[in-house]
Amino acid sequence: MEVAAVPVENVAERAPAAVVAARDVTRRYGEGDTAVDALRGVTLDIAQEKLTAVMGASGSGKSTLMHILAALDRPTSGSVWIAGTKLGGLSDTQITKLRRKHIGFVFQFFNLLPMLTADENVRLPLSIAGEKPDREWYDDLLEKVGLSDRREHRPAELSGGQQQRVAIARALVTRPTVVFADEPTGNLDSKTSGEILDLMRESVESLGQTTVMVTHDPRAAAIADRILFLADGLIVKDLGKADASDVIVAMQELDAG
């Protein structure tokens, strides 16, 4: 299906001030006849203290886009800024330090260390950086995510929903500039998914946490302030806050197009 990119306002001059910004980002894998263009020129700004959802079919480029915005991959061309810093000229060591300071991650399969307790898993980013949490703020965080009575439990002793709560707390513990969530409810049942989505929305409302979430679930996208739809490596629809039925309609329209 051939698609056209949705025009995006010309804000290039303000890019360094954006929480996360991308300008004309492309990503090509391979060379010659076997080359695959995962992204074909993406320009966007991520709004501060908002939750942005990224949707698209398998192969649309949504995971590639998240990896590039999160400094886990480099674009073939184009530019990315995080917290006002342009990534292109940074060394691997500088990128690692930037991710440690500015970025939190929430993954579909939790990625917890099985030998550590919930408390130790949450504090892991701080431990790696040689830092200690502000005790009052840390206790409040664990209370907010519902882990106050699960601190000493290891992952095998926790339900899937509880493990994801640990993963969310771990992403928030450094007070990052932006949290990236990759299908955070994809491995959970419907009831637990709803609880996790409520928690992610609450992190935006009560902590002012800027969040970018990749999802295929209309119900998950419905908690976002903005929904970007990708197809064939382009942003093809930019939707404001919408309920799940509106998201489904938008997806069907793109499939039909």
Protein backbone atom coordinates (compact mmCIF):
# COMPACT_ATOMS: atom_id res chain seq x y z
CA MET A 1 0.00 0.00 0.00
CA GLU A 2 1.40 3.37 -1.01
CA VAL A 3 0.91 6.03 1.62
CA ALA A 4 1.72 9.68 1.89
CA ALA A 5 3.31 11.36 4.86
CA VAL A 6 1.17 13.65 6.96
CA PRO A 7 2.56 17.21 6.80
CA VAL A 8 4.15 18.26 10.07
CA GLU A 9 4.46 21.89 11.14
CA ASN A 10 7.83 23.44 10.39
CA VAL A 11 9.42 23.70 13.82
CA ALA A 12 13.04 22.96 12.90
CA GLU A 13 14.28 26.11 14.64
CA ARG A 14 12.82 24.89 17.94
CA ALA A 15 14.09 21.34 17.71
CA PRO A 16 16.87 21.61 20.31
CA ALA A 17 14.36 22.81 22.91
CA ALA A 18 11.99 19.86 22.44
CA VAL A 19 12.00 16.96 24.90
CA VAL A 20 12.60 14.60 21.97
CA ALA A 21 12.71 15.76 18.35
CA ALA A 22 13.33 14.09 15.00
CA ARG A 23 13.92 15.76 11.64
CA ASP A 24 13.73 13.87 8.32
CA VAL A 25 14.83 10.62 9.95
CA THR A 26 15.40 7.64 7.70
CA ARG A 27 16.61 4.13 8.52
CA ARG A 28 17.76 1.70 5.86
CA TYR A 29 18.79 -1.87 6.57
CA GLY A 30 20.96 -3.67 4.03
CA GLU A 31 22.22 -2.49 0.65
CA GLY A 32 21.32 -2.67 -3.01
CA ASP A 33 18.32 -4.71 -4.14
CA THR A 34 17.87 -6.25 -0.69
CA ALA A 35 17.76 -2.90 1.17
CA VAL A 36 14.75 -2.27 3.39
CA ASP A 37 13.67 1.26 4.29
CA ALA A 38 12.18 0.99 7.76
CA LEU A 39 11.79 4.78 8.08
CA ARG A 40 11.47 7.07 5.06
CA GLY A 41 11.62 10.60 6.47
CA VAL A 42 10.01 11.10 9.88
CA THR A 43 9.74 14.53 11.49
CA LEU A 44 8.12 15.00 14.90
CA ASP A 45 8.33 16.63 18.32
CA ILE A 46 7.42 14.85 21.56
CA ALA A 47 5.50 17.16 23.88
CA GLN A 48 6.66 17.54 27.46
CA GLU A 49 4.56 15.98 30.24
CA LYS A 50 2.35 14.22 27.68
CA LEU A 51 1.85 10.61 26.66
CA THR A 52 2.36 9.95 22.94
CA ALA A 53 1.31 6.60 21.47
CA VAL A 54 2.83 5.20 18.28
CA MET A 55 0.76 2.67 16.35
CA GLY A 56 1.17 0.74 13.13
CA ALA A 57 1.09 -2.71 11.62
CA SER A 58 4.03 -5.07 11.84
CA GLY A 59 6.76 -3.68 9.60
CA SER A 60 5.40 -0.12 9.71
CA GLY A 61 8.55 1.20 11.38
CA LYS A 62 7.15 1.95 14.84
CA SER A 63 9.71 -0.11 16.76
CA THR A 64 12.55 1.26 14.63
CA LEU A 65 11.34 4.79 15.35
CA MET A 66 11.25 4.16 19.09
CA HIS A 67 14.76 2.68 19.06
CA ILE A 68 16.12 5.71 17.22
CA LEU A 69 14.30 8.22 19.43
CA ALA A 70 15.61 6.37 22.50
CA ALA A 71 19.21 6.42 21.21
CA LEU A 72 19.29 2.62 20.90
CA ASP A 73 19.88 2.85 17.16
CA ARG A 74 21.25 5.48 14.79
CA PRO A 75 19.35 6.84 11.78
CA THR A 76 20.72 6.40 8.29
CA SER A 77 20.05 10.10 7.74
CA GLY A 78 18.31 12.91 9.57
CA SER A 79 18.72 14.24 13.11
CA VAL A 80 17.47 13.41 16.61
CA TRP A 81 17.63 15.52 19.76
CA ILE A 82 17.02 14.41 23.35
CA ALA A 83 16.69 17.09 26.02
CA GLY A 84 18.23 19.61 23.63
CA THR A 85 21.27 17.46 22.78
CA LYS A 86 21.81 16.41 19.18
CA LEU A 87 22.75 12.75 19.05
CA GLY A 88 24.61 12.55 15.74
CA GLY A 89 28.02 13.67 16.97
CA LEU A 90 28.07 11.78 20.28
CA SER A 91 30.37 8.86 21.01
CA ASP A 92 29.02 5.55 22.29
CA THR A 93 30.13 6.50 25.81
CA GLN A 94 28.34 9.84 25.59
CA ILE A 95 25.20 8.12 24.28
CA THR A 96 25.28 5.70 27.20
CA LYS A 97 25.56 8.57 29.69
CA LEU A 98 22.73 10.44 27.98
CA ARG A 99 20.45 7.39 28.11
CA ARG A 100 21.29 6.86 31.78
CA LYS A 101 20.40 10.46 32.63
CA HIS A 102 17.44 11.17 30.39
CA ILE A 103 15.72 7.91 29.38
CA GLY A 104 13.69 5.22 31.13
CA PHE A 105 12.47 2.00 29.48
CA VAL A 106 9.47 -0.26 29.98
CA PHE A 107 9.52 -3.51 27.99
CA GLN A 108 6.81 -6.02 27.08
CA PHE A 109 8.62 -8.90 28.82
CA PHE A 110 9.66 -6.89 31.90
CA ASN A 111 13.43 -7.62 31.63
CA LEU A 112 13.87 -8.01 35.38
CA LEU A 113 16.91 -9.70 36.90
CA PRO A 114 15.59 -12.90 38.53
CA MET A 115 18.17 -13.01 41.33
CA LEU A 116 17.28 -9.51 42.57
CA THR A 117 14.35 -8.48 44.72
CA ALA A 118 11.72 -6.06 43.46
CA ASP A 119 13.42 -3.31 45.46
CA GLU A 120 16.83 -4.12 43.99
CA ASN A 121 15.42 -4.27 40.45
CA VAL A 122 13.80 -0.87 40.84
CA ARG A 123 16.99 0.69 42.21
CA LEU A 124 19.23 -0.95 39.60
CA PRO A 125 19.62 2.14 37.33
CA LEU A 126 20.66 4.20 40.35
CA SER A 127 23.03 1.48 41.56
CA ILE A 128 24.75 1.34 38.17
CA ALA A 129 25.19 5.10 38.29
CA GLY A 130 26.53 4.94 41.86
CA GLU A 131 23.62 6.98 43.20
CA LYS A 132 21.09 6.59 45.98
CA PRO A 133 17.42 7.54 45.76
CA ASP A 134 15.84 10.32 47.73
CA ARG A 135 14.21 8.13 50.38
CA GLU A 136 10.95 10.05 50.72
CA TRP A 137 10.46 10.29 46.96
CA TYR A 138 11.42 6.64 46.46
CA ASP A 139 8.97 5.40 49.08
CA ASP A 140 6.26 7.51 47.49
CA LEU A 141 7.07 6.04 44.07
CA LEU A 142 6.73 2.47 45.35
CA GLU A 143 3.46 3.43 46.99
CA LYS A 144 2.15 4.92 43.74
CA VAL A 145 2.97 1.79 41.72
CA GLY A 146 1.58 -0.53 44.39
CA LEU A 147 4.81 -2.24 45.43
CA SER A 148 5.22 -1.15 49.04
CA ASP A 149 4.42 -4.66 50.31
CA ARG A 150 6.36 -6.49 47.57
CA ARG A 151 9.84 -5.01 47.99
CA GLU A 152 11.56 -8.21 49.08
CA HIS A 153 9.87 -10.48 46.54
CA ARG A 154 11.85 -11.78 43.58
CA PRO A 155 10.31 -11.77 40.06
CA ALA A 156 9.37 -15.47 40.24
CA GLU A 157 7.26 -14.65 43.30
CA LEU A 158 5.34 -11.88 41.51
CA SER A 159 2.45 -11.95 39.05
CA GLY A 160 2.91 -10.58 35.54
CA GLY A 161 1.19 -7.36 36.51
CA GLN A 162 3.40 -6.95 39.58
CA GLN A 163 6.52 -7.57 37.50
CA GLN A 164 5.44 -4.86 35.08
CA ARG A 165 4.88 -2.52 38.03
CA VAL A 166 8.49 -3.17 39.04
CA ALA A 167 9.59 -2.42 35.48
CA ILE A 168 7.62 0.84 35.45
CA ALA A 169 9.06 1.90 38.82
CA ARG A 170 12.55 1.07 37.52
CA ALA A 171 11.92 3.29 34.49
CA LEU A 172 10.73 6.15 36.71
CA VAL A 173 13.26 5.91 39.52
CA THR A 174 15.87 8.14 37.89
CA ARG A 175 13.23 10.79 37.12
CA PRO A 176 14.09 10.59 33.41
CA THR A 177 13.30 13.23 30.83
CA VAL A 178 11.29 10.67 28.84
CA VAL A 179 10.09 7.11 29.32
CA PHE A 180 9.81 4.79 26.31
CA ALA A 181 7.37 1.91 26.67
CA ASP A 182 7.45 -0.92 24.11
CA GLU A 183 4.12 -2.82 24.10
CA PRO A 184 3.90 -2.55 27.92
CA THR A 185 0.64 -4.52 28.11
CA GLY A 186 1.38 -7.01 25.34
CA ASN A 187 2.15 -9.85 27.75
CA LEU A 188 -0.70 -9.24 30.20
CA ASP A 189 -4.35 -10.25 30.51
CA SER A 190 -7.12 -7.71 29.95
CA LYS A 191 -7.72 -6.83 33.60
CA THR A 192 -4.04 -6.47 34.43
CA SER A 193 -3.48 -4.47 31.25
CA GLY A 194 -6.08 -1.98 32.39
CA GLU A 195 -4.33 -1.57 35.74
CA ILE A 196 -0.95 -1.00 34.06
CA LEU A 197 -2.44 1.54 31.65
CA ASP A 198 -3.98 3.39 34.58
CA LEU A 199 -0.57 3.44 36.25
CA MET A 200 1.14 4.79 33.15
CA ARG A 201 -1.47 7.50 32.79
CA GLU A 202 -1.08 8.36 36.47
CA SER A 203 2.69 8.77 36.01
CA VAL A 204 1.95 11.49 33.47
CA GLU A 205 -0.72 13.17 35.58
CA SER A 206 0.96 13.07 39.00
CA LEU A 207 4.67 12.97 38.12
CA GLY A 208 4.59 14.98 34.88
CA GLN A 209 6.35 12.11 33.13
CA THR A 210 6.82 12.52 29.37
CA THR A 211 6.12 9.11 27.83
CA VAL A 212 6.30 7.54 24.37
CA MET A 213 4.45 4.22 24.06
CA VAL A 214 4.57 1.83 21.11
CA THR A 215 1.42 -0.29 21.02
CA HIS A 216 -0.92 -2.20 18.73
CA ASP A 217 -3.75 -2.10 21.28
CA PRO A 218 -6.49 0.54 20.69
CA ARG A 219 -7.36 0.53 24.39
CA ALA A 220 -3.75 1.32 25.27
CA ALA A 221 -3.57 4.08 22.67
CA ALA A 222 -6.74 5.60 24.11
CA ILE A 223 -4.90 6.72 27.26
CA ALA A 224 -2.54 8.86 25.16
CA ASP A 225 -2.71 12.60 24.59
CA ARG A 226 -1.59 12.10 20.99
CA ILE A 227 -1.54 9.08 18.68
CA LEU A 228 0.83 8.76 15.73
CA PHE A 229 0.05 6.15 13.07
CA LEU A 230 2.91 4.78 10.99
CA ALA A 231 2.75 2.92 7.68
CA ASP A 232 5.61 2.07 5.34
CA GLY A 233 8.05 4.10 7.40
CA LEU A 234 6.02 7.32 7.40
CA ILE A 235 3.71 9.10 9.82
CA VAL A 236 0.41 8.88 7.96
CA LYS A 237 -1.98 10.11 10.65
CA ASP A 238 -1.58 12.34 13.70
CA LEU A 239 -4.55 12.04 16.05
CA GLY A 240 -5.25 13.89 19.26
CA LYS A 241 -6.79 12.30 22.34
CA ALA A 242 -9.31 9.68 21.24
CA ASP A 243 -11.26 6.76 22.66
CA ALA A 244 -10.62 3.16 21.64
CA SER A 245 -13.43 3.12 19.06
CA ASP A 246 -11.97 6.18 17.31
CA VAL A 247 -8.57 4.48 17.22
CA ILE A 248 -10.09 1.36 15.67
CA VAL A 249 -11.83 3.47 13.00
CA ALA A 250 -8.56 5.24 12.22
CA MET A 251 -6.76 1.90 11.88
CA GLN A 252 -9.47 0.53 9.59
CA GLU A 253 -9.31 3.63 7.39
CA LEU A 254 -5.55 3.25 7.02
CA ASP A 255 -5.91 -0.45 6.20
CA ALA A 256 -8.55 0.38 3.59
CA GLY A 257 -6.41 3.13 2.07
